[in-house]
Amino acid sequence: MERNPGPNPSLSDIVDDMQGIMSGPYLDATVQYGVGSQPGIPLAQIAAVYIENRALPLHHFSMVDINYEAWLSMTDGPVPTDTETVVCVIMPPGATPIENDDGEHDRSLQPDLYWVPTMWVKYNDRGTMSAIFSHELVETLTDPDGDGIQLKPTSSTDWHEVADVCQGLDYQSLNGVMVASYWSAADSACIVPQPEVVQAWIIQCFHKKWGDDNPNEQITVVGGVRIPSGYKFWMEQIEVITRIENGDRFVVIGADGAEANVVVAKHFPAWAPQGTKYITTEPDQSKLDNLLSLPDCGSLTDWN
């Protein structure tokens, strides 16, 4: 018995491309616009939603329909009711928008009556869908409400955003996934951030979960800049430990110019006789390059 083949690309293919875009370097340059400026808060998360034609008309749908579907997905699942991230609706094959667009973004009320950024992508070939997703994602993050990052000529109704100014340029392959370029004010150009070889991670701040004074406990997140790109980063301590053990170099540079390597150490609390790992700086003659001499990441008001 023959079975009808599933859609091509499949939802799994589409989600894989989305996750590749969000976990790779594509969003790196959005940090200059204040995206991802809270320690421990990811730039975006994804929930794969199957549309069963319960609310969305397959033909001539509008952004109003998308926002209603997003609301239903938060009310009935699978999107959490209290979500604070982007809700992306992937349209099924054959669905056509009222306006001749391949994607759009807006915002919708969640069931708890908070505004949540929303976006949709029209079903198409795999490369086009990933490129449109990247276009709408970067604009959703930098201008979720229409009062964020826009470029001249600005408009309150026809938003001219960081990917719009680069529209018409060829899509590029990034780690095997097609993406759209977007405007980088720091580079004065349309760019697709590329993977970089990091020479060093310079830690400039840290955050403690409980804010205690135990030097061996509770550093949860560190922040700083990557060399040579200068891009800022937030990173959980567990990832720092993994990177150091895999050969990456992390340093702290003190106000006196002294530089200390960050290393992995162990301590042995009563509740963990096998020991737990933590990061610390190698001892030297300077006290200003000590990891715990750095400010709390949450207090860096000029980070953005």
C-alpha atoms as a PDB file:
ATOM      1  CA  MET A   1       0.000   0.000   0.000  1.00  0.00           C
ATOM      2  CA  GLU A   2       1.420   3.306  -1.065  1.00  0.00           C
ATOM      3  CA  ARG A   3       1.383   6.239   1.318  1.00  0.00           C
ATOM      4  CA  ASN A   4       1.205   9.837   0.257  1.00  0.00           C
ATOM      5  CA  PRO A   5       4.600  11.458   0.785  1.00  0.00           C
ATOM      6  CA  GLY A   6       4.799  14.155   3.397  1.00  0.00           C
ATOM      7  CA  PRO A   7       5.477  17.770   2.530  1.00  0.00           C
ATOM      8  CA  ASN A   8       8.964  18.655   1.332  1.00  0.00           C
ATOM      9  CA  PRO A   9      10.538  20.320   3.219  1.00  0.00           C
ATOM     10  CA  SER A  10       9.196  18.596   6.303  1.00  0.00           C
ATOM     11  CA  LEU A  11       8.483  20.382   9.559  1.00  0.00           C
ATOM     12  CA  SER A  12      11.545  18.647  10.989  1.00  0.00           C
ATOM     13  CA  ASP A  13      13.737  20.092   8.208  1.00  0.00           C
ATOM     14  CA  ILE A  14      12.339  23.567   8.790  1.00  0.00           C
ATOM     15  CA  VAL A  15      12.837  23.402  12.566  1.00  0.00           C
ATOM     16  CA  ASP A  16      16.396  22.102  12.112  1.00  0.00           C
ATOM     17  CA  ASP A  17      17.208  25.124   9.936  1.00  0.00           C
ATOM     18  CA  MET A  18      15.623  27.499  12.465  1.00  0.00           C
ATOM     19  CA  GLN A  19      17.615  26.033  15.314  1.00  0.00           C
ATOM     20  CA  GLY A  20      20.795  26.249  13.251  1.00  0.00           C
ATOM     21  CA  ILE A  21      20.161  29.940  12.611  1.00  0.00           C
ATOM     22  CA  MET A  22      19.546  30.696  16.279  1.00  0.00           C
ATOM     23  CA  SER A  23      22.423  28.664  17.662  1.00  0.00           C
ATOM     24  CA  GLY A  24      25.016  29.818  15.114  1.00  0.00           C
ATOM     25  CA  PRO A  25      26.687  33.194  14.597  1.00  0.00           C
ATOM     26  CA  TYR A  26      23.840  34.721  12.570  1.00  0.00           C
ATOM     27  CA  LEU A  27      22.464  36.858  15.421  1.00  0.00           C
ATOM     28  CA  ASP A  28      25.888  37.951  16.728  1.00  0.00           C
ATOM     29  CA  ALA A  29      25.717  41.458  15.254  1.00  0.00           C
ATOM     30  CA  THR A  30      22.331  42.171  16.866  1.00  0.00           C
ATOM     31  CA  VAL A  31      24.125  42.690  20.191  1.00  0.00           C
ATOM     32  CA  GLN A  32      25.002  46.208  18.978  1.00  0.00           C
ATOM     33  CA  TYR A  33      21.259  46.958  19.051  1.00  0.00           C
ATOM     34  CA  GLY A  34      20.801  45.733  22.624  1.00  0.00           C
ATOM     35  CA  VAL A  35      19.557  42.245  21.754  1.00  0.00           C
ATOM     36  CA  GLY A  36      20.542  39.578  24.274  1.00  0.00           C
ATOM     37  CA  SER A  37      21.682  42.111  26.855  1.00  0.00           C
ATOM     38  CA  GLN A  38      20.309  40.226  29.881  1.00  0.00           C
ATOM     39  CA  PRO A  39      22.519  37.539  31.394  1.00  0.00           C
ATOM     40  CA  GLY A  40      21.121  34.033  31.091  1.00  0.00           C
ATOM     41  CA  ILE A  41      18.284  35.115  28.779  1.00  0.00           C
ATOM     42  CA  PRO A  42      18.545  33.508  25.339  1.00  0.00           C
ATOM     43  CA  LEU A  43      18.062  35.564  22.203  1.00  0.00           C
ATOM     44  CA  ALA A  44      15.208  33.372  21.070  1.00  0.00           C
ATOM     45  CA  GLN A  45      13.655  29.985  21.624  1.00  0.00           C
ATOM     46  CA  ILE A  46      11.527  27.879  19.323  1.00  0.00           C
ATOM     47  CA  ALA A  47       8.350  25.845  19.669  1.00  0.00           C
ATOM     48  CA  ALA A  48       7.341  23.752  16.641  1.00  0.00           C
ATOM     49  CA  VAL A  49       3.586  24.067  16.094  1.00  0.00           C
ATOM     50  CA  TYR A  50       1.501  21.934  13.750  1.00  0.00           C
ATOM     51  CA  ILE A  51      -1.389  23.915  12.297  1.00  0.00           C
ATOM     52  CA  GLU A  52      -4.525  21.800  11.966  1.00  0.00           C
ATOM     53  CA  ASN A  53      -6.637  24.453  10.284  1.00  0.00           C
ATOM     54  CA  ARG A  54      -8.563  25.138  13.466  1.00  0.00           C
ATOM     55  CA  ALA A  55      -8.417  28.923  13.314  1.00  0.00           C
ATOM     56  CA  LEU A  56      -6.300  29.925  10.356  1.00  0.00           C
ATOM     57  CA  PRO A  57      -7.945  30.141   6.955  1.00  0.00           C
ATOM     58  CA  LEU A  58      -5.686  28.398   4.468  1.00  0.00           C
ATOM     59  CA  HIS A  59      -6.319  31.058   1.872  1.00  0.00           C
ATOM     60  CA  HIS A  60      -6.163  34.817   2.283  1.00  0.00           C
ATOM     61  CA  PHE A  61      -4.939  34.801   5.861  1.00  0.00           C
ATOM     62  CA  SER A  62      -3.788  38.024   7.536  1.00  0.00           C
ATOM     63  CA  MET A  63      -1.565  39.025  10.431  1.00  0.00           C
ATOM     64  CA  VAL A  64      -4.727  39.148  12.540  1.00  0.00           C
ATOM     65  CA  ASP A  65      -5.230  35.435  11.848  1.00  0.00           C
ATOM     66  CA  ILE A  66      -1.604  34.719  12.770  1.00  0.00           C
ATOM     67  CA  ASN A  67      -1.899  36.569  16.068  1.00  0.00           C
ATOM     68  CA  TYR A  68      -5.107  34.680  16.872  1.00  0.00           C
ATOM     69  CA  GLU A  69      -3.377  31.372  16.138  1.00  0.00           C
ATOM     70  CA  ALA A  70      -0.444  32.422  18.348  1.00  0.00           C
ATOM     71  CA  TRP A  71      -2.899  33.240  21.133  1.00  0.00           C
ATOM     72  CA  LEU A  72      -4.612  29.862  20.743  1.00  0.00           C
ATOM     73  CA  SER A  73      -1.234  28.102  20.772  1.00  0.00           C
ATOM     74  CA  MET A  74      -0.437  29.806  24.066  1.00  0.00           C
ATOM     75  CA  THR A  75      -3.900  29.034  25.458  1.00  0.00           C
ATOM     76  CA  ASP A  76      -4.204  25.380  24.425  1.00  0.00           C
ATOM     77  CA  GLY A  77      -0.515  24.512  23.879  1.00  0.00           C
ATOM     78  CA  PRO A  78       2.114  23.673  22.880  1.00  0.00           C
ATOM     79  CA  VAL A  79       3.489  27.185  23.496  1.00  0.00           C
ATOM     80  CA  PRO A  80       3.756  27.991  27.253  1.00  0.00           C
ATOM     81  CA  THR A  81       1.145  30.467  28.476  1.00  0.00           C
ATOM     82  CA  ASP A  82       3.754  32.662  30.145  1.00  0.00           C
ATOM     83  CA  THR A  83       6.133  32.718  27.187  1.00  0.00           C
ATOM     84  CA  GLU A  84       8.263  35.833  26.810  1.00  0.00           C
ATOM     85  CA  THR A  85       9.906  34.818  23.578  1.00  0.00           C
ATOM     86  CA  VAL A  86       8.982  34.946  19.894  1.00  0.00           C
ATOM     87  CA  VAL A  87       6.064  32.874  18.616  1.00  0.00           C
ATOM     88  CA  CYS A  88       6.651  31.869  14.990  1.00  0.00           C
ATOM     89  CA  VAL A  89       3.843  30.326  12.937  1.00  0.00           C
ATOM     90  CA  ILE A  90       4.959  28.244   9.963  1.00  0.00           C
ATOM     91  CA  MET A  91       2.151  28.213   7.450  1.00  0.00           C
ATOM     92  CA  PRO A  92       1.126  24.876   5.918  1.00  0.00           C
ATOM     93  CA  PRO A  93       1.474  24.113   2.198  1.00  0.00           C
ATOM     94  CA  GLY A  94      -1.092  25.967   0.121  1.00  0.00           C
ATOM     95  CA  ALA A  95      -1.783  28.735   2.624  1.00  0.00           C
ATOM     96  CA  THR A  96      -1.686  32.156   0.990  1.00  0.00           C
ATOM     97  CA  PRO A  97      -1.488  35.581   2.636  1.00  0.00           C
ATOM     98  CA  ILE A  98      -3.821  38.435   1.758  1.00  0.00           C
ATOM     99  CA  GLU A  99      -0.825  40.589   0.908  1.00  0.00           C
ATOM    100  CA  ASN A 100       1.817  39.187  -1.401  1.00  0.00           C
ATOM    101  CA  ASP A 101       4.436  38.617   1.294  1.00  0.00           C
ATOM    102  CA  ASP A 102       6.523  35.607   2.296  1.00  0.00           C
ATOM    103  CA  GLY A 103       6.663  36.594   5.960  1.00  0.00           C
ATOM    104  CA  GLU A 104       5.794  39.291   8.468  1.00  0.00           C
ATOM    105  CA  HIS A 105       6.121  40.069  12.147  1.00  0.00           C
ATOM    106  CA  ASP A 106       3.940  41.821  14.696  1.00  0.00           C
ATOM    107  CA  ARG A 107       2.950  41.174  18.309  1.00  0.00           C
ATOM    108  CA  SER A 108       0.053  39.456  20.062  1.00  0.00           C
ATOM    109  CA  LEU A 109      -1.455  39.337  23.523  1.00  0.00           C
ATOM    110  CA  GLN A 110      -0.648  36.179  25.434  1.00  0.00           C
ATOM    111  CA  PRO A 111      -3.320  34.695  27.731  1.00  0.00           C
ATOM    112  CA  ASP A 112      -1.812  36.574  30.711  1.00  0.00           C
ATOM    113  CA  LEU A 113      -2.333  39.792  28.712  1.00  0.00           C
ATOM    114  CA  TYR A 114       1.330  40.532  28.060  1.00  0.00           C
ATOM    115  CA  TRP A 115       2.469  41.438  24.562  1.00  0.00           C
ATOM    116  CA  VAL A 116       4.481  38.739  22.803  1.00  0.00           C
ATOM    117  CA  PRO A 117       6.349  39.186  19.481  1.00  0.00           C
ATOM    118  CA  THR A 118       4.839  37.082  16.698  1.00  0.00           C
ATOM    119  CA  MET A 119       5.890  36.236  13.154  1.00  0.00           C
ATOM    120  CA  TRP A 120       4.898  33.963  10.294  1.00  0.00           C
ATOM    121  CA  VAL A 121       6.656  32.356   7.332  1.00  0.00           C
ATOM    122  CA  LYS A 122       4.887  31.187   4.172  1.00  0.00           C
ATOM    123  CA  TYR A 123       5.480  27.585   3.118  1.00  0.00           C
ATOM    124  CA  ASN A 124       8.011  27.468   0.290  1.00  0.00           C
ATOM    125  CA  ASP A 125      11.194  25.679  -0.700  1.00  0.00           C
ATOM    126  CA  ARG A 126      13.624  25.027   2.156  1.00  0.00           C
ATOM    127  CA  GLY A 127      16.170  27.729   1.305  1.00  0.00           C
ATOM    128  CA  THR A 128      13.542  30.431   0.864  1.00  0.00           C
ATOM    129  CA  MET A 129      11.825  29.537   4.142  1.00  0.00           C
ATOM    130  CA  SER A 130      15.024  29.646   6.180  1.00  0.00           C
ATOM    131  CA  ALA A 131      16.044  32.955   4.583  1.00  0.00           C
ATOM    132  CA  ILE A 132      12.634  34.532   5.229  1.00  0.00           C
ATOM    133  CA  PHE A 133      12.674  33.175   8.784  1.00  0.00           C
ATOM    134  CA  SER A 134      16.095  34.758   9.397  1.00  0.00           C
ATOM    135  CA  HIS A 135      14.869  38.065   7.914  1.00  0.00           C
ATOM    136  CA  GLU A 136      11.776  38.197  10.132  1.00  0.00           C
ATOM    137  CA  LEU A 137      13.609  36.908  13.203  1.00  0.00           C
ATOM    138  CA  VAL A 138      16.316  39.563  13.157  1.00  0.00           C
ATOM    139  CA  GLU A 139      13.704  42.282  12.664  1.00  0.00           C
ATOM    140  CA  THR A 140      11.468  40.866  15.396  1.00  0.00           C
ATOM    141  CA  LEU A 141      14.370  40.957  17.853  1.00  0.00           C
ATOM    142  CA  THR A 142      15.555  44.457  16.937  1.00  0.00           C
ATOM    143  CA  ASP A 143      12.155  46.098  16.339  1.00  0.00           C
ATOM    144  CA  PRO A 144       9.405  43.997  17.952  1.00  0.00           C
ATOM    145  CA  ASP A 145       6.893  46.835  18.394  1.00  0.00           C
ATOM    146  CA  GLY A 146       7.744  49.231  15.574  1.00  0.00           C
ATOM    147  CA  ASP A 147       9.516  51.640  17.926  1.00  0.00           C
ATOM    148  CA  GLY A 148      12.899  49.902  17.983  1.00  0.00           C
ATOM    149  CA  ILE A 149      15.656  49.918  15.371  1.00  0.00           C
ATOM    150  CA  GLN A 150      14.518  51.392  12.054  1.00  0.00           C
ATOM    151  CA  LEU A 151      16.453  53.031   9.261  1.00  0.00           C
ATOM    152  CA  LYS A 152      15.634  56.061   7.161  1.00  0.00           C
ATOM    153  CA  PRO A 153      13.072  56.606   5.794  1.00  0.00           C
ATOM    154  CA  THR A 154      11.314  55.613   9.039  1.00  0.00           C
ATOM    155  CA  SER A 155       7.563  55.154   9.264  1.00  0.00           C
ATOM    156  CA  SER A 156       5.073  54.294  11.987  1.00  0.00           C
ATOM    157  CA  THR A 157       3.132  52.036   9.615  1.00  0.00           C
ATOM    158  CA  ASP A 158       5.586  50.812   6.959  1.00  0.00           C
ATOM    159  CA  TRP A 159       8.500  49.714   9.127  1.00  0.00           C
ATOM    160  CA  HIS A 160      11.896  50.080   7.425  1.00  0.00           C
ATOM    161  CA  GLU A 161      14.018  47.675   9.429  1.00  0.00           C
ATOM    162  CA  VAL A 162      17.503  46.194   9.481  1.00  0.00           C
ATOM    163  CA  ALA A 163      16.778  43.382   7.003  1.00  0.00           C
ATOM    164  CA  ASP A 164      14.523  45.497   4.762  1.00  0.00           C
ATOM    165  CA  VAL A 165      17.388  47.812   3.825  1.00  0.00           C
ATOM    166  CA  CYS A 166      19.327  44.765   2.586  1.00  0.00           C
ATOM    167  CA  GLN A 167      16.424  43.219   0.680  1.00  0.00           C
ATOM    168  CA  GLY A 168      17.253  42.346  -2.895  1.00  0.00           C
ATOM    169  CA  LEU A 169      20.703  41.046  -2.069  1.00  0.00           C
ATOM    170  CA  ASP A 170      21.303  37.377  -2.746  1.00  0.00           C
ATOM    171  CA  TYR A 171      20.715  35.003   0.134  1.00  0.00           C
ATOM    172  CA  GLN A 172      23.856  33.458   1.587  1.00  0.00           C
ATOM    173  CA  SER A 173      24.628  30.023   2.973  1.00  0.00           C
ATOM    174  CA  LEU A 174      25.697  30.031   6.616  1.00  0.00           C
ATOM    175  CA  ASN A 175      26.719  26.639   7.974  1.00  0.00           C
ATOM    176  CA  GLY A 176      24.648  25.045   5.198  1.00  0.00           C
ATOM    177  CA  VAL A 177      21.486  27.094   5.866  1.00  0.00           C
ATOM    178  CA  MET A 178      20.282  29.946   3.640  1.00  0.00           C
ATOM    179  CA  VAL A 179      19.934  33.279   5.453  1.00  0.00           C
ATOM    180  CA  ALA A 180      19.253  36.919   4.635  1.00  0.00           C
ATOM    181  CA  SER A 181      21.773  39.689   5.276  1.00  0.00           C
ATOM    182  CA  TYR A 182      20.921  42.578   7.606  1.00  0.00           C
ATOM    183  CA  TRP A 183      22.253  46.053   8.321  1.00  0.00           C
ATOM    184  CA  SER A 184      25.093  46.448  10.801  1.00  0.00           C
ATOM    185  CA  ALA A 185      25.600  50.028  11.927  1.00  0.00           C
ATOM    186  CA  ALA A 186      28.994  49.037  13.348  1.00  0.00           C
ATOM    187  CA  ASP A 187      30.138  47.865   9.897  1.00  0.00           C
ATOM    188  CA  SER A 188      28.111  50.397   7.843  1.00  0.00           C
ATOM    189  CA  ALA A 189      27.138  47.496   5.595  1.00  0.00           C
ATOM    190  CA  CYS A 190      24.732  44.622   5.048  1.00  0.00           C
ATOM    191  CA  ILE A 191      26.321  41.560   6.622  1.00  0.00           C
ATOM    192  CA  VAL A 192      25.869  37.897   7.430  1.00  0.00           C
ATOM    193  CA  PRO A 193      27.980  37.289  10.564  1.00  0.00           C
ATOM    194  CA  GLN A 194      30.406  34.452   9.951  1.00  0.00           C
ATOM    195  CA  PRO A 195      31.879  31.899  12.344  1.00  0.00           C
ATOM    196  CA  GLU A 196      35.012  33.321  13.892  1.00  0.00           C
ATOM    197  CA  VAL A 197      38.122  31.846  15.384  1.00  0.00           C
ATOM    198  CA  VAL A 198      38.126  33.340  18.873  1.00  0.00           C
ATOM    199  CA  GLN A 199      41.612  34.178  20.087  1.00  0.00           C
ATOM    200  CA  ALA A 200      40.402  34.913  23.597  1.00  0.00           C
ATOM    201  CA  TRP A 201      37.280  35.521  25.623  1.00  0.00           C
ATOM    202  CA  ILE A 202      37.801  38.534  27.891  1.00  0.00           C
ATOM    203  CA  ILE A 203      35.523  38.320  30.926  1.00  0.00           C
ATOM    204  CA  GLN A 204      34.400  41.766  32.103  1.00  0.00           C
ATOM    205  CA  CYS A 205      31.625  40.946  34.569  1.00  0.00           C
ATOM    206  CA  PHE A 206      29.986  38.039  36.373  1.00  0.00           C
ATOM    207  CA  HIS A 207      26.668  37.300  37.988  1.00  0.00           C
ATOM    208  CA  LYS A 208      25.982  35.221  41.097  1.00  0.00           C
ATOM    209  CA  LYS A 209      22.683  33.483  41.615  1.00  0.00           C
ATOM    210  CA  TRP A 210      22.507  34.289  45.310  1.00  0.00           C
ATOM    211  CA  GLY A 211      25.013  37.110  45.461  1.00  0.00           C
ATOM    212  CA  ASP A 212      26.971  35.441  48.253  1.00  0.00           C
ATOM    213  CA  ASP A 213      30.628  36.059  49.079  1.00  0.00           C
ATOM    214  CA  ASN A 214      31.837  32.477  48.781  1.00  0.00           C
ATOM    215  CA  PRO A 215      34.440  32.609  45.991  1.00  0.00           C
ATOM    216  CA  ASN A 216      33.723  29.018  45.010  1.00  0.00           C
ATOM    217  CA  GLU A 217      29.946  29.190  44.801  1.00  0.00           C
ATOM    218  CA  GLN A 218      27.159  30.338  42.573  1.00  0.00           C
ATOM    219  CA  ILE A 219      28.764  32.197  39.644  1.00  0.00           C
ATOM    220  CA  THR A 220      26.092  31.467  37.075  1.00  0.00           C
ATOM    221  CA  VAL A 221      26.916  33.755  34.146  1.00  0.00           C
ATOM    222  CA  VAL A 222      29.856  35.773  32.870  1.00  0.00           C
ATOM    223  CA  GLY A 223      29.908  38.502  30.243  1.00  0.00           C
ATOM    224  CA  GLY A 224      32.563  40.180  28.174  1.00  0.00           C
ATOM    225  CA  VAL A 225      33.949  40.541  24.664  1.00  0.00           C
ATOM    226  CA  ARG A 226      35.446  38.179  22.126  1.00  0.00           C
ATOM    227  CA  ILE A 227      38.814  38.902  20.571  1.00  0.00           C
ATOM    228  CA  PRO A 228      39.411  39.771  17.742  1.00  0.00           C
ATOM    229  CA  SER A 229      35.805  40.610  16.732  1.00  0.00           C
ATOM    230  CA  GLY A 230      34.935  42.653  19.823  1.00  0.00           C
ATOM    231  CA  TYR A 231      31.444  41.110  19.901  1.00  0.00           C
ATOM    232  CA  LYS A 232      29.955  40.944  23.374  1.00  0.00           C
ATOM    233  CA  PHE A 233      28.870  37.674  24.937  1.00  0.00           C
ATOM    234  CA  TRP A 234      26.945  36.211  27.849  1.00  0.00           C
ATOM    235  CA  MET A 235      27.874  32.680  28.838  1.00  0.00           C
ATOM    236  CA  GLU A 236      26.818  30.339  31.608  1.00  0.00           C
ATOM    237  CA  GLN A 237      29.618  29.081  33.838  1.00  0.00           C
ATOM    238  CA  ILE A 238      29.065  25.469  32.773  1.00  0.00           C
ATOM    239  CA  GLU A 239      29.742  26.427  29.150  1.00  0.00           C
ATOM    240  CA  VAL A 240      32.859  28.371  30.150  1.00  0.00           C
ATOM    241  CA  ILE A 241      34.143  25.282  31.945  1.00  0.00           C
ATOM    242  CA  THR A 242      33.496  23.119  28.893  1.00  0.00           C
ATOM    243  CA  ARG A 243      35.215  25.580  26.567  1.00  0.00           C
ATOM    244  CA  ILE A 244      38.284  25.905  28.813  1.00  0.00           C
ATOM    245  CA  GLU A 245      38.582  22.134  29.041  1.00  0.00           C
ATOM    246  CA  ASN A 246      38.380  21.999  25.229  1.00  0.00           C
ATOM    247  CA  GLY A 247      41.211  24.507  24.839  1.00  0.00           C
ATOM    248  CA  ASP A 248      39.527  27.937  24.682  1.00  0.00           C
ATOM    249  CA  ARG A 249      41.298  30.795  26.477  1.00  0.00           C
ATOM    250  CA  PHE A 250      39.439  33.036  28.916  1.00  0.00           C
ATOM    251  CA  VAL A 251      41.182  35.969  30.611  1.00  0.00           C
ATOM    252  CA  VAL A 252      40.505  38.818  33.001  1.00  0.00           C
ATOM    253  CA  ILE A 253      42.277  42.137  32.414  1.00  0.00           C
ATOM    254  CA  GLY A 254      42.525  44.334  35.496  1.00  0.00           C
ATOM    255  CA  ALA A 255      42.380  48.109  35.700  1.00  0.00           C
ATOM    256  CA  ASP A 256      46.171  48.121  36.082  1.00  0.00           C
ATOM    257  CA  GLY A 257      46.567  46.230  32.791  1.00  0.00           C
ATOM    258  CA  ALA A 258      47.477  42.954  34.464  1.00  0.00           C
ATOM    259  CA  GLU A 259      46.129  39.884  32.708  1.00  0.00           C
ATOM    260  CA  ALA A 260      45.198  36.595  34.371  1.00  0.00           C
ATOM    261  CA  ASN A 261      44.067  33.357  32.791  1.00  0.00           C
ATOM    262  CA  VAL A 262      40.768  31.877  33.901  1.00  0.00           C
ATOM    263  CA  VAL A 263      41.085  28.218  34.870  1.00  0.00           C
ATOM    264  CA  VAL A 264      38.845  25.403  36.074  1.00  0.00           C
ATOM    265  CA  ALA A 265      39.169  24.340  39.708  1.00  0.00           C
ATOM    266  CA  LYS A 266      37.299  22.013  42.052  1.00  0.00           C
ATOM    267  CA  HIS A 267      35.948  22.325  45.547  1.00  0.00           C
ATOM    268  CA  PHE A 268      34.434  19.640  47.749  1.00  0.00           C
ATOM    269  CA  PRO A 269      31.331  20.737  49.655  1.00  0.00           C
ATOM    270  CA  ALA A 270      29.676  18.301  52.029  1.00  0.00           C
ATOM    271  CA  TRP A 271      26.792  17.738  49.646  1.00  0.00           C
ATOM    272  CA  ALA A 272      29.141  16.825  46.752  1.00  0.00           C
ATOM    273  CA  PRO A 273      32.048  14.693  48.026  1.00  0.00           C
ATOM    274  CA  GLN A 274      33.042  13.946  44.432  1.00  0.00           C
ATOM    275  CA  GLY A 275      33.723  17.657  43.964  1.00  0.00           C
ATOM    276  CA  THR A 276      32.171  20.369  41.796  1.00  0.00           C
ATOM    277  CA  LYS A 277      33.918  22.460  39.163  1.00  0.00           C
ATOM    278  CA  TYR A 278      34.069  26.246  39.111  1.00  0.00           C
ATOM    279  CA  ILE A 279      36.058  28.946  37.336  1.00  0.00           C
ATOM    280  CA  THR A 280      38.686  31.148  38.941  1.00  0.00           C
ATOM    281  CA  THR A 281      41.723  33.185  37.937  1.00  0.00           C
ATOM    282  CA  GLU A 282      45.279  31.983  38.260  1.00  0.00           C
ATOM    283  CA  PRO A 283      47.041  33.720  41.176  1.00  0.00           C
ATOM    284  CA  ASP A 284      49.528  36.446  40.303  1.00  0.00           C
ATOM    285  CA  GLN A 285      50.971  39.677  41.768  1.00  0.00           C
ATOM    286  CA  SER A 286      47.894  41.786  40.903  1.00  0.00           C
ATOM    287  CA  LYS A 287      44.604  41.754  42.760  1.00  0.00           C
ATOM    288  CA  LEU A 288      42.833  43.844  40.125  1.00  0.00           C
ATOM    289  CA  ASP A 289      42.648  41.012  37.593  1.00  0.00           C
ATOM    290  CA  ASN A 290      40.898  38.659  39.994  1.00  0.00           C
ATOM    291  CA  LEU A 291      37.621  37.298  38.617  1.00  0.00           C
ATOM    292  CA  LEU A 292      35.710  38.361  41.716  1.00  0.00           C
ATOM    293  CA  SER A 293      37.028  41.917  41.438  1.00  0.00           C
ATOM    294  CA  LEU A 294      34.804  42.401  38.379  1.00  0.00           C
ATOM    295  CA  PRO A 295      31.401  44.114  38.612  1.00  0.00           C
ATOM    296  CA  ASP A 296      28.096  42.285  38.570  1.00  0.00           C
ATOM    297  CA  CYS A 297      26.804  41.962  35.010  1.00  0.00           C
ATOM    298  CA  GLY A 298      23.402  43.243  36.051  1.00  0.00           C
ATOM    299  CA  SER A 299      24.908  46.547  37.199  1.00  0.00           C
ATOM    300  CA  LEU A 300      26.584  47.412  33.894  1.00  0.00           C
ATOM    301  CA  THR A 301      24.166  50.131  32.807  1.00  0.00           C
ATOM    302  CA  ASP A 302      26.283  50.979  29.749  1.00  0.00           C
ATOM    303  CA  TRP A 303      26.274  47.370  28.472  1.00  0.00           C
ATOM    304  CA  ASN A 304      23.686  48.132  25.819  1.00  0.00           C
END
